[in-house]
Amino acid sequence: MQNSIAGPIPSVTFCPTGGISTENYNAYLNLSNVACWADPGWVPADAVKSKNWAKVTELAKQAIANVTHA
């Protein structure tokens, strides 16, 4: 999963964009060659459709607050 790219090409910094969730984003961020993650799947579609940017902002703040470093 996380090492499918990081393992074979560790000298390349990347930004995973699929399969990221609130349950696994820290595993990606703790890889030495991951700079960030971007996956719209962690934001509920209804929040985007209804333009509930406060909800999107709150989810982003929660994600940032829960970043851990190995």
PDB file of N, CA and C in Angstrom:
ATOM      1  N   MET A   1       0.840  -1.180   0.000  1.00  0.00           N
ATOM      2  CA  MET A   1       0.000   0.000   0.000  1.00  0.00           C
ATOM      3  C   MET A   1       0.883   1.241   0.000  1.00  0.00           C
ATOM      4  N   GLN A   2       1.251   1.780   1.143  1.00  0.00           N
ATOM      5  CA  GLN A   2       2.023   3.010   1.193  1.00  0.00           C
ATOM      6  C   GLN A   2       3.394   2.850   0.557  1.00  0.00           C
ATOM      7  N   ASN A   3       3.986   1.659   0.627  1.00  0.00           N
ATOM      8  CA  ASN A   3       5.327   1.470   0.105  1.00  0.00           C
ATOM      9  C   ASN A   3       5.357   1.068  -1.361  1.00  0.00           C
ATOM     10  N   SER A   4       4.212   1.016  -2.013  1.00  0.00           N
ATOM     11  CA  SER A   4       4.201   0.585  -3.403  1.00  0.00           C
ATOM     12  C   SER A   4       4.993   1.531  -4.304  1.00  0.00           C
ATOM     13  N   ILE A   5       5.059   2.804  -3.967  1.00  0.00           N
ATOM     14  CA  ILE A   5       5.888   3.748  -4.711  1.00  0.00           C
ATOM     15  C   ILE A   5       7.101   4.139  -3.875  1.00  0.00           C
ATOM     16  N   ALA A   6       6.896   4.382  -2.609  1.00  0.00           N
ATOM     17  CA  ALA A   6       7.989   4.838  -1.749  1.00  0.00           C
ATOM     18  C   ALA A   6       9.120   3.831  -1.680  1.00  0.00           C
ATOM     19  N   GLY A   7       8.798   2.555  -1.664  1.00  0.00           N
ATOM     20  CA  GLY A   7       9.830   1.527  -1.566  1.00  0.00           C
ATOM     21  C   GLY A   7      10.737   1.462  -2.776  1.00  0.00           C
ATOM     22  N   PRO A   8      10.188   1.293  -3.977  1.00  0.00           N
ATOM     23  CA  PRO A   8      11.043   1.133  -5.146  1.00  0.00           C
ATOM     24  C   PRO A   8      11.745   2.406  -5.609  1.00  0.00           C
ATOM     25  N   ILE A   9      11.178   3.571  -5.343  1.00  0.00           N
ATOM     26  CA  ILE A   9      11.814   4.824  -5.781  1.00  0.00           C
ATOM     27  C   ILE A   9      11.868   5.830  -4.625  1.00  0.00           C
ATOM     28  N   PRO A  10      12.674   5.518  -3.610  1.00  0.00           N
ATOM     29  CA  PRO A  10      12.711   6.356  -2.405  1.00  0.00           C
ATOM     30  C   PRO A  10      13.274   7.749  -2.619  1.00  0.00           C
ATOM     31  N   SER A  11      13.968   7.997  -3.711  1.00  0.00           N
ATOM     32  CA  SER A  11      14.555   9.317  -3.933  1.00  0.00           C
ATOM     33  C   SER A  11      13.565  10.308  -4.540  1.00  0.00           C
ATOM     34  N   VAL A  12      12.370   9.852  -4.888  1.00  0.00           N
ATOM     35  CA  VAL A  12      11.361  10.721  -5.481  1.00  0.00           C
ATOM     36  C   VAL A  12      10.347  11.133  -4.414  1.00  0.00           C
ATOM     37  N   THR A  13      10.141  12.423  -4.253  1.00  0.00           N
ATOM     38  CA  THR A  13       9.129  12.927  -3.342  1.00  0.00           C
ATOM     39  C   THR A  13       7.796  12.947  -4.077  1.00  0.00           C
ATOM     40  N   PHE A  14       6.754  12.459  -3.414  1.00  0.00           N
ATOM     41  CA  PHE A  14       5.464  12.407  -4.087  1.00  0.00           C
ATOM     42  C   PHE A  14       4.320  12.803  -3.174  1.00  0.00           C
ATOM     43  N   CYS A  15       3.159  12.991  -3.786  1.00  0.00           N
ATOM     44  CA  CYS A  15       1.936  13.363  -3.099  1.00  0.00           C
ATOM     45  C   CYS A  15       0.862  12.348  -3.485  1.00  0.00           C
ATOM     46  N   PRO A  16       0.590  11.356  -2.624  1.00  0.00           N
ATOM     47  CA  PRO A  16      -0.430  10.372  -2.967  1.00  0.00           C
ATOM     48  C   PRO A  16      -1.802  11.021  -3.097  1.00  0.00           C
ATOM     49  N   THR A  17      -2.578  10.551  -4.062  1.00  0.00           N
ATOM     50  CA  THR A  17      -3.861  11.180  -4.343  1.00  0.00           C
ATOM     51  C   THR A  17      -5.034  10.213  -4.378  1.00  0.00           C
ATOM     52  N   GLY A  18      -4.835   9.007  -3.970  1.00  0.00           N
ATOM     53  CA  GLY A  18      -5.944   8.053  -3.973  1.00  0.00           C
ATOM     54  C   GLY A  18      -5.832   7.091  -2.814  1.00  0.00           C
ATOM     55  N   GLY A  19      -6.957   6.692  -2.291  1.00  0.00           N
ATOM     56  CA  GLY A  19      -6.970   5.729  -1.201  1.00  0.00           C
ATOM     57  C   GLY A  19      -6.599   6.303   0.155  1.00  0.00           C
ATOM     58  N   ILE A  20      -6.553   7.610   0.263  1.00  0.00           N
ATOM     59  CA  ILE A  20      -6.190   8.263   1.520  1.00  0.00           C
ATOM     60  C   ILE A  20      -7.464   8.480   2.330  1.00  0.00           C
ATOM     61  N   SER A  21      -7.376   8.196   3.610  1.00  0.00           N
ATOM     62  CA  SER A  21      -8.534   8.385   4.486  1.00  0.00           C
ATOM     63  C   SER A  21      -8.060   8.948   5.819  1.00  0.00           C
ATOM     64  N   THR A  22      -9.021   9.284   6.657  1.00  0.00           N
ATOM     65  CA  THR A  22      -8.666   9.775   7.991  1.00  0.00           C
ATOM     66  C   THR A  22      -8.014   8.677   8.821  1.00  0.00           C
ATOM     67  N   GLU A  23      -8.200   7.433   8.432  1.00  0.00           N
ATOM     68  CA  GLU A  23      -7.599   6.323   9.169  1.00  0.00           C
ATOM     69  C   GLU A  23      -6.153   6.045   8.752  1.00  0.00           C
ATOM     70  N   ASN A  24      -5.754   6.425   7.525  1.00  0.00           N
ATOM     71  CA  ASN A  24      -4.419   6.029   7.081  1.00  0.00           C
ATOM     72  C   ASN A  24      -3.504   7.169   6.618  1.00  0.00           C
ATOM     73  N   TYR A  25      -3.960   8.407   6.667  1.00  0.00           N
ATOM     74  CA  TYR A  25      -3.122   9.477   6.126  1.00  0.00           C
ATOM     75  C   TYR A  25      -1.813   9.644   6.879  1.00  0.00           C
ATOM     76  N   ASN A  26      -1.792   9.373   8.164  1.00  0.00           N
ATOM     77  CA  ASN A  26      -0.539   9.492   8.911  1.00  0.00           C
ATOM     78  C   ASN A  26       0.488   8.470   8.448  1.00  0.00           C
ATOM     79  N   ALA A  27       0.038   7.294   8.059  1.00  0.00           N
ATOM     80  CA  ALA A  27       0.972   6.281   7.551  1.00  0.00           C
ATOM     81  C   ALA A  27       1.679   6.801   6.306  1.00  0.00           C
ATOM     82  N   TYR A  28       0.944   7.502   5.459  1.00  0.00           N
ATOM     83  CA  TYR A  28       1.552   8.090   4.267  1.00  0.00           C
ATOM     84  C   TYR A  28       2.493   9.232   4.648  1.00  0.00           C
ATOM     85  N   LEU A  29       2.036  10.137   5.519  1.00  0.00           N
ATOM     86  CA  LEU A  29       2.844  11.290   5.889  1.00  0.00           C
ATOM     87  C   LEU A  29       4.123  10.902   6.614  1.00  0.00           C
ATOM     88  N   ASN A  30       4.143   9.724   7.234  1.00  0.00           N
ATOM     89  CA  ASN A  30       5.343   9.281   7.935  1.00  0.00           C
ATOM     90  C   ASN A  30       6.377   8.641   7.020  1.00  0.00           C
ATOM     91  N   LEU A  31       6.059   8.491   5.737  1.00  0.00           N
ATOM     92  CA  LEU A  31       7.062   8.034   4.783  1.00  0.00           C
ATOM     93  C   LEU A  31       7.987   9.204   4.477  1.00  0.00           C
ATOM     94  N   SER A  32       9.271   8.946   4.412  1.00  0.00           N
ATOM     95  CA  SER A  32      10.237  10.033   4.247  1.00  0.00           C
ATOM     96  C   SER A  32      10.107  10.767   2.916  1.00  0.00           C
ATOM     97  N   ASN A  33       9.535  10.131   1.909  1.00  0.00           N
ATOM     98  CA  ASN A  33       9.451  10.796   0.611  1.00  0.00           C
ATOM     99  C   ASN A  33       8.035  11.236   0.235  1.00  0.00           C
ATOM    100  N   VAL A  34       7.169  11.393   1.227  1.00  0.00           N
ATOM    101  CA  VAL A  34       5.831  11.938   0.985  1.00  0.00           C
ATOM    102  C   VAL A  34       5.788  13.356   1.541  1.00  0.00           C
ATOM    103  N   ALA A  35       5.484  14.306   0.661  1.00  0.00           N
ATOM    104  CA  ALA A  35       5.447  15.709   1.065  1.00  0.00           C
ATOM    105  C   ALA A  35       4.075  16.117   1.595  1.00  0.00           C
ATOM    106  N   CYS A  36       3.027  15.500   1.059  1.00  0.00           N
ATOM    107  CA  CYS A  36       1.665  15.857   1.423  1.00  0.00           C
ATOM    108  C   CYS A  36       0.740  14.763   0.897  1.00  0.00           C
ATOM    109  N   TRP A  37      -0.544  14.897   1.135  1.00  0.00           N
ATOM    110  CA  TRP A  37      -1.522  13.985   0.530  1.00  0.00           C
ATOM    111  C   TRP A  37      -2.687  14.798   0.034  1.00  0.00           C
ATOM    112  N   ALA A  38      -3.311  14.295  -1.007  1.00  0.00           N
ATOM    113  CA  ALA A  38      -4.461  14.997  -1.586  1.00  0.00           C
ATOM    114  C   ALA A  38      -5.436  13.957  -2.101  1.00  0.00           C
ATOM    115  N   ASP A  39      -6.548  13.843  -1.452  1.00  0.00           N
ATOM    116  CA  ASP A  39      -7.566  12.885  -1.878  1.00  0.00           C
ATOM    117  C   ASP A  39      -8.921  13.435  -1.483  1.00  0.00           C
ATOM    118  N   PRO A  40      -9.751  13.773  -2.454  1.00  0.00           N
ATOM    119  CA  PRO A  40     -11.048  14.352  -2.122  1.00  0.00           C
ATOM    120  C   PRO A  40     -11.991  13.374  -1.430  1.00  0.00           C
ATOM    121  N   GLY A  41     -11.632  12.113  -1.388  1.00  0.00           N
ATOM    122  CA  GLY A  41     -12.502  11.109  -0.786  1.00  0.00           C
ATOM    123  C   GLY A  41     -12.750  11.293   0.704  1.00  0.00           C
ATOM    124  N   TRP A  42     -11.882  11.990   1.397  1.00  0.00           N
ATOM    125  CA  TRP A  42     -12.071  12.162   2.841  1.00  0.00           C
ATOM    126  C   TRP A  42     -13.068  13.268   3.164  1.00  0.00           C
ATOM    127  N   VAL A  43     -13.467  14.032   2.158  1.00  0.00           N
ATOM    128  CA  VAL A  43     -14.474  15.080   2.351  1.00  0.00           C
ATOM    129  C   VAL A  43     -15.809  14.542   1.852  1.00  0.00           C
ATOM    130  N   PRO A  44     -16.840  14.570   2.681  1.00  0.00           N
ATOM    131  CA  PRO A  44     -18.147  14.078   2.244  1.00  0.00           C
ATOM    132  C   PRO A  44     -18.655  14.832   1.015  1.00  0.00           C
ATOM    133  N   ALA A  45     -19.116  14.094   0.020  1.00  0.00           N
ATOM    134  CA  ALA A  45     -19.600  14.699  -1.223  1.00  0.00           C
ATOM    135  C   ALA A  45     -20.730  15.690  -0.975  1.00  0.00           C
ATOM    136  N   ASP A  46     -21.576  15.395   0.000  1.00  0.00           N
ATOM    137  CA  ASP A  46     -22.691  16.306   0.262  1.00  0.00           C
ATOM    138  C   ASP A  46     -22.205  17.654   0.792  1.00  0.00           C
ATOM    139  N   ALA A  47     -21.093  17.660   1.512  1.00  0.00           N
ATOM    140  CA  ALA A  47     -20.556  18.930   2.014  1.00  0.00           C
ATOM    141  C   ALA A  47     -20.068  19.796   0.858  1.00  0.00           C
ATOM    142  N   VAL A  48     -19.459  19.165  -0.140  1.00  0.00           N
ATOM    143  CA  VAL A  48     -18.993  19.912  -1.308  1.00  0.00           C
ATOM    144  C   VAL A  48     -20.177  20.356  -2.156  1.00  0.00           C
ATOM    145  N   LYS A  49     -21.098  19.431  -2.400  1.00  0.00           N
ATOM    146  CA  LYS A  49     -22.260  19.755  -3.238  1.00  0.00           C
ATOM    147  C   LYS A  49     -23.069  20.916  -2.660  1.00  0.00           C
ATOM    148  N   SER A  50     -23.216  20.934  -1.339  1.00  0.00           N
ATOM    149  CA  SER A  50     -23.983  22.005  -0.696  1.00  0.00           C
ATOM    150  C   SER A  50     -23.118  23.228  -0.374  1.00  0.00           C
ATOM    151  N   LYS A  51     -21.848  23.163  -0.796  1.00  0.00           N
ATOM    152  CA  LYS A  51     -20.893  24.252  -0.558  1.00  0.00           C
ATOM    153  C   LYS A  51     -20.755  24.576   0.928  1.00  0.00           C
ATOM    154  N   ASN A  52     -20.737  23.511   1.732  1.00  0.00           N
ATOM    155  CA  ASN A  52     -20.571  23.664   3.173  1.00  0.00           C
ATOM    156  C   ASN A  52     -19.074  23.764   3.475  1.00  0.00           C
ATOM    157  N   TRP A  53     -18.498  24.905   3.136  1.00  0.00           N
ATOM    158  CA  TRP A  53     -17.062  25.088   3.290  1.00  0.00           C
ATOM    159  C   TRP A  53     -16.643  25.094   4.754  1.00  0.00           C
ATOM    160  N   ALA A  54     -17.546  25.443   5.647  1.00  0.00           N
ATOM    161  CA  ALA A  54     -17.227  25.382   7.081  1.00  0.00           C
ATOM    162  C   ALA A  54     -16.942  23.938   7.485  1.00  0.00           C
ATOM    163  N   LYS A  55     -17.722  22.990   6.963  1.00  0.00           N
ATOM    164  CA  LYS A  55     -17.512  21.564   7.261  1.00  0.00           C
ATOM    165  C   LYS A  55     -16.185  21.097   6.670  1.00  0.00           C
ATOM    166  N   VAL A  56     -15.920  21.492   5.437  1.00  0.00           N
ATOM    167  CA  VAL A  56     -14.658  21.109   4.790  1.00  0.00           C
ATOM    168  C   VAL A  56     -13.478  21.682   5.570  1.00  0.00           C
ATOM    169  N   THR A  57     -13.597  22.936   5.984  1.00  0.00           N
ATOM    170  CA  THR A  57     -12.542  23.578   6.767  1.00  0.00           C
ATOM    171  C   THR A  57     -12.338  22.862   8.094  1.00  0.00           C
ATOM    172  N   GLU A  58     -13.420  22.510   8.764  1.00  0.00           N
ATOM    173  CA  GLU A  58     -13.323  21.804  10.043  1.00  0.00           C
ATOM    174  C   GLU A  58     -12.638  20.459   9.875  1.00  0.00           C
ATOM    175  N   LEU A  59     -12.984  19.730   8.835  1.00  0.00           N
ATOM    176  CA  LEU A  59     -12.343  18.436   8.574  1.00  0.00           C
ATOM    177  C   LEU A  59     -10.847  18.604   8.308  1.00  0.00           C
ATOM    178  N   ALA A  60     -10.487  19.644   7.573  1.00  0.00           N
ATOM    179  CA  ALA A  60      -9.073  19.910   7.304  1.00  0.00           C
ATOM    180  C   ALA A  60      -8.336  20.263   8.593  1.00  0.00           C
ATOM    181  N   LYS A  61      -8.953  21.074   9.428  1.00  0.00           N
ATOM    182  CA  LYS A  61      -8.339  21.425  10.703  1.00  0.00           C
ATOM    183  C   LYS A  61      -8.136  20.201  11.584  1.00  0.00           C
ATOM    184  N   GLN A  62      -9.132  19.307  11.607  1.00  0.00           N
ATOM    185  CA  GLN A  62      -9.013  18.069  12.385  1.00  0.00           C
ATOM    186  C   GLN A  62      -7.877  17.198  11.860  1.00  0.00           C
ATOM    187  N   ALA A  63      -7.779  17.098  10.550  1.00  0.00           N
ATOM    188  CA  ALA A  63      -6.719  16.289   9.952  1.00  0.00           C
ATOM    189  C   ALA A  63      -5.339  16.848  10.330  1.00  0.00           C
ATOM    190  N   ILE A  64      -5.199  18.161  10.233  1.00  0.00           N
ATOM    191  CA  ILE A  64      -3.921  18.790  10.585  1.00  0.00           C
ATOM    192  C   ILE A  64      -3.612  18.585  12.065  1.00  0.00           C
ATOM    193  N   ALA A  65      -4.598  18.764  12.911  1.00  0.00           N
ATOM    194  CA  ALA A  65      -4.389  18.624  14.360  1.00  0.00           C
ATOM    195  C   ALA A  65      -3.997  17.194  14.741  1.00  0.00           C
ATOM    196  N   ASN A  66      -4.395  16.225  13.931  1.00  0.00           N
ATOM    197  CA  ASN A  66      -4.124  14.824  14.263  1.00  0.00           C
ATOM    198  C   ASN A  66      -2.924  14.228  13.538  1.00  0.00           C
ATOM    199  N   VAL A  67      -2.119  15.077  12.887  1.00  0.00           N
ATOM    200  CA  VAL A  67      -0.927  14.571  12.225  1.00  0.00           C
ATOM    201  C   VAL A  67       0.052  14.097  13.297  1.00  0.00           C
ATOM    202  N   THR A  68       0.572  12.905  13.088  1.00  0.00           N
ATOM    203  CA  THR A  68       1.603  12.370  13.984  1.00  0.00           C
ATOM    204  C   THR A  68       2.859  12.126  13.175  1.00  0.00           C
ATOM    205  N   HIS A  69       3.967  12.142  13.835  1.00  0.00           N
ATOM    206  CA  HIS A  69       5.249  11.883  13.155  1.00  0.00           C
ATOM    207  C   HIS A  69       5.931  10.714  13.858  1.00  0.00           C
ATOM    208  N   ALA A  70       6.378   9.785  13.048  1.00  0.00           N
ATOM    209  CA  ALA A  70       7.057   8.599  13.591  1.00  0.00           C
ATOM    210  C   ALA A  70       8.454   8.950  14.042  1.00  0.00           C
TER     211      ALA A  70
END
